[in-house]
N, C-alpha and C. Protein backbone atom coordinates (compact mmCIF):
# COMPACT_ATOMS: atom_id res chain seq x y z
N MET A 1 0.84 -1.18 0.05
CA MET A 1 0.02 -0.01 0.04
C MET A 1 0.88 1.22 0.01
N GLY A 2 0.56 2.18 -0.84
CA GLY A 2 1.31 3.44 -0.92
C GLY A 2 0.55 4.53 -0.15
N ILE A 3 1.34 5.29 0.65
CA ILE A 3 0.75 6.39 1.40
C ILE A 3 1.68 7.55 1.24
N ALA A 4 1.08 8.74 0.93
CA ALA A 4 1.86 9.96 0.79
C ALA A 4 2.44 10.40 2.18
N LYS A 5 3.57 11.08 2.14
CA LYS A 5 4.25 11.50 3.42
C LYS A 5 3.27 12.18 4.37
N PRO A 6 2.54 13.19 3.96
CA PRO A 6 1.65 13.93 4.92
C PRO A 6 0.63 13.00 5.55
N VAL A 7 0.08 12.05 4.75
CA VAL A 7 -0.87 11.05 5.37
C VAL A 7 -0.15 10.16 6.29
N HIS A 8 1.04 9.66 5.97
CA HIS A 8 1.80 8.75 6.76
C HIS A 8 2.14 9.43 8.09
N GLN A 9 2.48 10.68 8.03
CA GLN A 9 2.84 11.42 9.27
C GLN A 9 1.56 11.57 10.17
N ALA A 10 0.46 11.81 9.61
CA ALA A 10 -0.84 11.94 10.37
C ALA A 10 -1.10 10.64 11.08
N ILE A 11 -1.01 9.54 10.31
CA ILE A 11 -1.23 8.20 10.83
C ILE A 11 -0.24 7.86 11.96
N ASN A 12 0.99 8.20 11.74
CA ASN A 12 2.03 7.98 12.88
C ASN A 12 1.66 8.74 14.06
N ARG A 13 1.12 9.96 13.95
CA ARG A 13 0.74 10.77 15.12
C ARG A 13 -0.38 9.98 15.95
N MET A 14 -1.28 9.32 15.18
CA MET A 14 -2.35 8.66 15.83
C MET A 14 -1.80 7.44 16.65
N TRP A 15 -0.93 6.68 15.99
CA TRP A 15 -0.32 5.55 16.65
C TRP A 15 0.62 5.98 17.80
N ASN A 16 1.33 7.00 17.63
CA ASN A 16 2.13 7.53 18.78
C ASN A 16 1.35 7.98 19.96
N THR A 17 0.20 8.56 19.66
CA THR A 17 -0.67 8.97 20.73
C THR A 17 -1.24 7.74 21.51
N PHE A 18 -1.56 6.72 20.73
CA PHE A 18 -2.16 5.50 21.32
C PHE A 18 -1.20 4.64 22.03
N ARG A 19 0.09 4.64 21.66
CA ARG A 19 1.06 3.75 22.13
C ARG A 19 1.07 3.71 23.62
N PRO A 20 0.94 2.43 24.19
CA PRO A 20 0.91 2.29 25.70
C PRO A 20 2.28 2.57 26.30
N PRO A 21 2.33 2.83 27.56
CA PRO A 21 3.61 3.09 28.24
C PRO A 21 4.45 1.77 28.19
N PRO A 22 5.70 1.87 28.29
CA PRO A 22 6.60 0.72 28.25
C PRO A 22 6.12 -0.28 29.35
N GLY A 23 6.17 -1.58 28.92
CA GLY A 23 5.74 -2.64 29.83
C GLY A 23 4.18 -2.85 29.92
N THR A 24 3.47 -2.05 29.25
CA THR A 24 1.94 -2.20 29.20
C THR A 24 1.54 -2.53 27.75
N PRO A 25 1.35 -3.77 27.52
CA PRO A 25 0.99 -4.21 26.15
C PRO A 25 -0.41 -3.82 25.72
N ALA A 26 -0.63 -3.51 24.49
CA ALA A 26 -1.95 -3.29 23.95
C ALA A 26 -2.62 -4.63 23.68
N THR A 27 -3.87 -4.70 23.88
CA THR A 27 -4.61 -5.95 23.60
C THR A 27 -4.85 -6.00 22.04
N THR A 28 -5.11 -7.21 21.59
CA THR A 28 -5.50 -7.44 20.19
C THR A 28 -6.68 -6.58 19.83
N GLU A 29 -7.68 -6.58 20.75
CA GLU A 29 -8.86 -5.76 20.47
C GLU A 29 -8.65 -4.29 20.34
N GLN A 30 -7.66 -3.77 21.13
CA GLN A 30 -7.32 -2.33 21.10
C GLN A 30 -6.64 -2.03 19.77
N VAL A 31 -5.75 -2.90 19.42
CA VAL A 31 -4.95 -2.68 18.18
C VAL A 31 -5.90 -2.74 16.93
N GLU A 32 -6.86 -3.72 16.98
CA GLU A 32 -7.85 -3.84 15.91
C GLU A 32 -8.75 -2.59 15.90
N HIS A 33 -9.04 -2.05 17.03
CA HIS A 33 -9.86 -0.80 17.13
C HIS A 33 -9.06 0.28 16.44
N MET A 34 -7.83 0.41 16.69
CA MET A 34 -7.00 1.45 16.15
C MET A 34 -6.90 1.32 14.62
N VAL A 35 -6.69 0.07 14.19
CA VAL A 35 -6.57 -0.20 12.73
C VAL A 35 -7.85 0.23 12.03
N GLY A 36 -9.03 -0.11 12.59
CA GLY A 36 -10.30 0.37 12.01
C GLY A 36 -10.37 1.89 12.04
N LEU A 37 -10.01 2.52 13.12
CA LEU A 37 -10.05 3.95 13.23
C LEU A 37 -9.19 4.62 12.14
N VAL A 38 -7.97 4.12 11.98
CA VAL A 38 -7.07 4.65 11.00
C VAL A 38 -7.60 4.41 9.60
N ASP A 39 -8.11 3.28 9.31
CA ASP A 39 -8.69 2.94 7.99
C ASP A 39 -9.85 3.85 7.71
N ARG A 40 -10.68 4.03 8.64
CA ARG A 40 -11.91 4.86 8.53
C ARG A 40 -11.56 6.36 8.22
N HIS A 41 -10.58 6.84 8.90
CA HIS A 41 -10.27 8.27 8.74
C HIS A 41 -9.28 8.58 7.63
N PHE A 42 -8.40 7.63 7.33
CA PHE A 42 -7.32 7.89 6.38
C PHE A 42 -7.33 6.98 5.12
N GLY A 43 -8.26 6.07 5.07
CA GLY A 43 -8.28 5.09 4.00
C GLY A 43 -8.50 5.71 2.62
N ARG A 44 -9.14 6.88 2.53
CA ARG A 44 -9.40 7.49 1.25
C ARG A 44 -8.04 7.96 0.58
N TRP A 45 -6.96 7.90 1.31
CA TRP A 45 -5.68 8.37 0.75
C TRP A 45 -4.80 7.15 0.50
N TYR A 46 -5.21 5.97 0.82
CA TYR A 46 -4.39 4.78 0.51
C TYR A 46 -4.24 4.56 -0.97
N ASP A 47 -3.08 4.28 -1.39
CA ASP A 47 -2.73 4.00 -2.88
C ASP A 47 -3.27 5.14 -3.83
N LYS A 48 -3.15 6.28 -3.38
CA LYS A 48 -3.51 7.44 -4.15
C LYS A 48 -2.42 8.47 -4.14
N VAL A 49 -2.34 9.22 -5.21
CA VAL A 49 -1.39 10.39 -5.36
C VAL A 49 -2.00 11.50 -4.46
N TYR A 50 -1.21 11.97 -3.49
CA TYR A 50 -1.71 13.00 -2.61
C TYR A 50 -1.85 14.37 -3.32
N ASP A 51 -3.07 14.89 -3.14
CA ASP A 51 -3.27 16.25 -3.75
C ASP A 51 -3.23 17.27 -2.61
N SER A 52 -2.21 18.09 -2.59
CA SER A 52 -1.97 19.01 -1.49
C SER A 52 -3.14 20.07 -1.35
N SER A 53 -3.95 20.26 -2.41
CA SER A 53 -5.07 21.15 -2.25
C SER A 53 -6.15 20.59 -1.37
N MET A 54 -5.99 19.25 -1.05
CA MET A 54 -6.91 18.58 -0.09
C MET A 54 -6.36 18.54 1.36
N SER A 55 -5.40 19.42 1.63
CA SER A 55 -4.78 19.35 2.95
C SER A 55 -5.77 19.69 4.09
N GLY A 56 -6.78 20.47 3.70
CA GLY A 56 -7.82 20.69 4.72
C GLY A 56 -8.62 19.47 5.08
N ALA A 57 -8.87 18.63 4.12
CA ALA A 57 -9.55 17.36 4.40
C ALA A 57 -8.66 16.44 5.25
N LEU A 58 -7.40 16.44 4.97
CA LEU A 58 -6.52 15.57 5.79
C LEU A 58 -6.48 16.17 7.20
N ASP A 59 -6.37 17.52 7.40
CA ASP A 59 -6.40 18.08 8.75
C ASP A 59 -7.68 17.73 9.47
N ALA A 60 -8.81 17.77 8.77
CA ALA A 60 -10.08 17.40 9.42
C ALA A 60 -10.11 15.94 9.77
N ALA A 61 -9.59 15.07 8.92
CA ALA A 61 -9.55 13.61 9.18
C ALA A 61 -8.68 13.38 10.41
N GLU A 62 -7.53 14.09 10.54
CA GLU A 62 -6.67 13.88 11.67
C GLU A 62 -7.26 14.39 12.96
N GLN A 63 -7.95 15.51 12.91
CA GLN A 63 -8.61 15.99 14.10
C GLN A 63 -9.77 15.03 14.58
N ALA A 64 -10.45 14.52 13.64
CA ALA A 64 -11.61 13.51 14.01
C ALA A 64 -10.93 12.23 14.54
N ALA A 65 -9.91 11.77 13.89
CA ALA A 65 -9.21 10.57 14.39
C ALA A 65 -8.61 10.74 15.81
N PHE A 66 -7.99 11.99 16.03
CA PHE A 66 -7.43 12.25 17.32
C PHE A 66 -8.50 12.26 18.42
N ALA A 67 -9.68 12.81 18.04
CA ALA A 67 -10.83 12.79 19.00
C ALA A 67 -11.20 11.37 19.40
N GLU A 68 -11.19 10.48 18.39
CA GLU A 68 -11.56 9.06 18.71
C GLU A 68 -10.44 8.38 19.48
N VAL A 69 -9.15 8.70 19.16
CA VAL A 69 -8.12 8.07 19.96
C VAL A 69 -8.10 8.59 21.35
N SER A 70 -8.43 9.84 21.51
CA SER A 70 -8.47 10.47 22.91
C SER A 70 -9.59 9.80 23.69
N ALA A 71 -10.74 9.56 23.03
CA ALA A 71 -11.85 8.84 23.69
C ALA A 71 -11.50 7.44 24.07
N LEU A 72 -10.80 6.76 23.18
CA LEU A 72 -10.36 5.37 23.49
C LEU A 72 -9.40 5.42 24.69
N LEU A 73 -8.44 6.29 24.72
CA LEU A 73 -7.49 6.36 25.79
C LEU A 73 -8.25 6.69 27.14
N THR A 74 -9.20 7.48 27.07
CA THR A 74 -10.03 7.85 28.27
C THR A 74 -10.81 6.63 28.75
N ARG A 75 -11.38 5.85 27.85
CA ARG A 75 -11.98 4.56 28.23
C ARG A 75 -11.05 3.58 28.86
N LEU A 76 -9.84 3.61 28.38
CA LEU A 76 -8.79 2.69 28.89
C LEU A 76 -8.16 3.24 30.20
N GLY A 77 -8.57 4.44 30.63
CA GLY A 77 -8.02 5.02 31.82
C GLY A 77 -6.65 5.58 31.62
N ARG A 78 -6.29 5.94 30.43
CA ARG A 78 -4.96 6.48 30.09
C ARG A 78 -4.97 7.97 29.73
N GLY A 79 -6.20 8.50 29.40
CA GLY A 79 -6.25 9.89 28.92
C GLY A 79 -5.28 10.14 27.83
N ALA A 80 -5.54 11.22 27.00
CA ALA A 80 -4.68 11.55 25.90
C ALA A 80 -3.47 12.23 26.42
N ARG A 81 -2.36 11.93 25.71
CA ARG A 81 -1.07 12.48 26.12
C ARG A 81 -0.71 13.69 25.22
């Protein structure tokens, strides 16, 4: 799968926000939830040439994804970092 650098960076920020503290593994269910979240918000850019005129859409997708990651972390008792 090809992903343009701005999209890849946004996805990385989601995973970095989710990443559990050292010694605290993520469950399979949590990782699958994150995969679905990332696919839902960023899937439209998979295997596509990135059009920088759509950066507003990417920003909106990242904000929406971050809100979901934050809610997940709150449910897990970890709060957003």
